[in-house]
Amino acid sequence: MAESQSFLVTVPGDWDLEEYAKEKRKFPSVQDYIRELMRRDIEEYEKAHK
């Protein structure tokens, strides 16, 4: 497994991020949802800058 880093992410309370990530997007946790968003963004960035 790759080395990992931890970050604190703060979002406005009215975003209801936990409800959105778990109930609407069906991720097991908000952390998994954010990881997936970051993975996709990094992949797109790498494709665009090769």
C-alpha atoms as a PDB file:
ATOM      1  CA  MET A   1       0.000   0.000   0.000  1.00  0.00           C
ATOM      2  CA  ALA A   2       1.213   3.483  -0.829  1.00  0.00           C
ATOM      3  CA  GLU A   3       2.243   5.885   1.868  1.00  0.00           C
ATOM      4  CA  SER A   4      -0.606   8.165   2.900  1.00  0.00           C
ATOM      5  CA  GLN A   5      -1.123  11.661   4.278  1.00  0.00           C
ATOM      6  CA  SER A   6      -3.932  13.071   6.377  1.00  0.00           C
ATOM      7  CA  PHE A   7      -5.626  16.413   5.801  1.00  0.00           C
ATOM      8  CA  LEU A   8      -8.382  18.256   7.587  1.00  0.00           C
ATOM      9  CA  VAL A   9     -11.099  19.329   5.164  1.00  0.00           C
ATOM     10  CA  THR A  10     -13.615  21.922   6.296  1.00  0.00           C
ATOM     11  CA  VAL A  11     -16.804  22.607   4.336  1.00  0.00           C
ATOM     12  CA  PRO A  12     -19.833  24.777   5.059  1.00  0.00           C
ATOM     13  CA  GLY A  13     -22.391  22.995   7.264  1.00  0.00           C
ATOM     14  CA  ASP A  14     -25.227  23.689   4.836  1.00  0.00           C
ATOM     15  CA  TRP A  15     -23.534  21.470   2.244  1.00  0.00           C
ATOM     16  CA  ASP A  16     -24.689  18.384   4.190  1.00  0.00           C
ATOM     17  CA  LEU A  17     -21.684  16.569   2.747  1.00  0.00           C
ATOM     18  CA  GLU A  18     -22.216  13.398   4.793  1.00  0.00           C
ATOM     19  CA  GLU A  19     -25.784  13.012   3.548  1.00  0.00           C
ATOM     20  CA  TYR A  20     -24.713  13.746  -0.031  1.00  0.00           C
ATOM     21  CA  ALA A  21     -21.734  11.368  -0.018  1.00  0.00           C
ATOM     22  CA  LYS A  22     -23.393   8.464   1.772  1.00  0.00           C
ATOM     23  CA  GLU A  23     -27.041   8.642   0.774  1.00  0.00           C
ATOM     24  CA  LYS A  24     -27.025  10.251  -2.665  1.00  0.00           C
ATOM     25  CA  ARG A  25     -23.648   9.128  -4.020  1.00  0.00           C
ATOM     26  CA  LYS A  26     -23.625   5.802  -2.108  1.00  0.00           C
ATOM     27  CA  PHE A  27     -20.050   6.023  -0.787  1.00  0.00           C
ATOM     28  CA  PRO A  28     -19.301   4.252   2.516  1.00  0.00           C
ATOM     29  CA  SER A  29     -17.938   7.481   4.008  1.00  0.00           C
ATOM     30  CA  VAL A  30     -17.237  11.122   3.265  1.00  0.00           C
ATOM     31  CA  GLN A  31     -13.526  10.256   3.251  1.00  0.00           C
ATOM     32  CA  ASP A  32     -14.048   7.691   0.483  1.00  0.00           C
ATOM     33  CA  TYR A  33     -16.017  10.237  -1.540  1.00  0.00           C
ATOM     34  CA  ILE A  34     -13.287  12.876  -1.198  1.00  0.00           C
ATOM     35  CA  ARG A  35     -10.581  10.310  -2.071  1.00  0.00           C
ATOM     36  CA  GLU A  36     -12.439   9.401  -5.263  1.00  0.00           C
ATOM     37  CA  LEU A  37     -12.853  13.057  -6.252  1.00  0.00           C
ATOM     38  CA  MET A  38      -9.145  13.699  -5.689  1.00  0.00           C
ATOM     39  CA  ARG A  39      -8.101  10.546  -7.583  1.00  0.00           C
ATOM     40  CA  ARG A  40     -10.172  11.593 -10.596  1.00  0.00           C
ATOM     41  CA  ASP A  41      -8.851  15.145 -10.488  1.00  0.00           C
ATOM     42  CA  ILE A  42      -5.222  14.003 -10.281  1.00  0.00           C
ATOM     43  CA  GLU A  43      -5.711  11.570 -13.185  1.00  0.00           C
ATOM     44  CA  GLU A  44      -7.239  14.315 -15.339  1.00  0.00           C
ATOM     45  CA  TYR A  45      -4.438  16.716 -14.443  1.00  0.00           C
ATOM     46  CA  GLU A  46      -1.793  14.124 -15.331  1.00  0.00           C
ATOM     47  CA  LYS A  47      -3.480  13.398 -18.687  1.00  0.00           C
ATOM     48  CA  ALA A  48      -3.629  17.098 -19.523  1.00  0.00           C
ATOM     49  CA  HIS A  49       0.037  17.734 -18.638  1.00  0.00           C
ATOM     50  CA  LYS A  50       1.796  14.848 -20.386  1.00  0.00           C
END
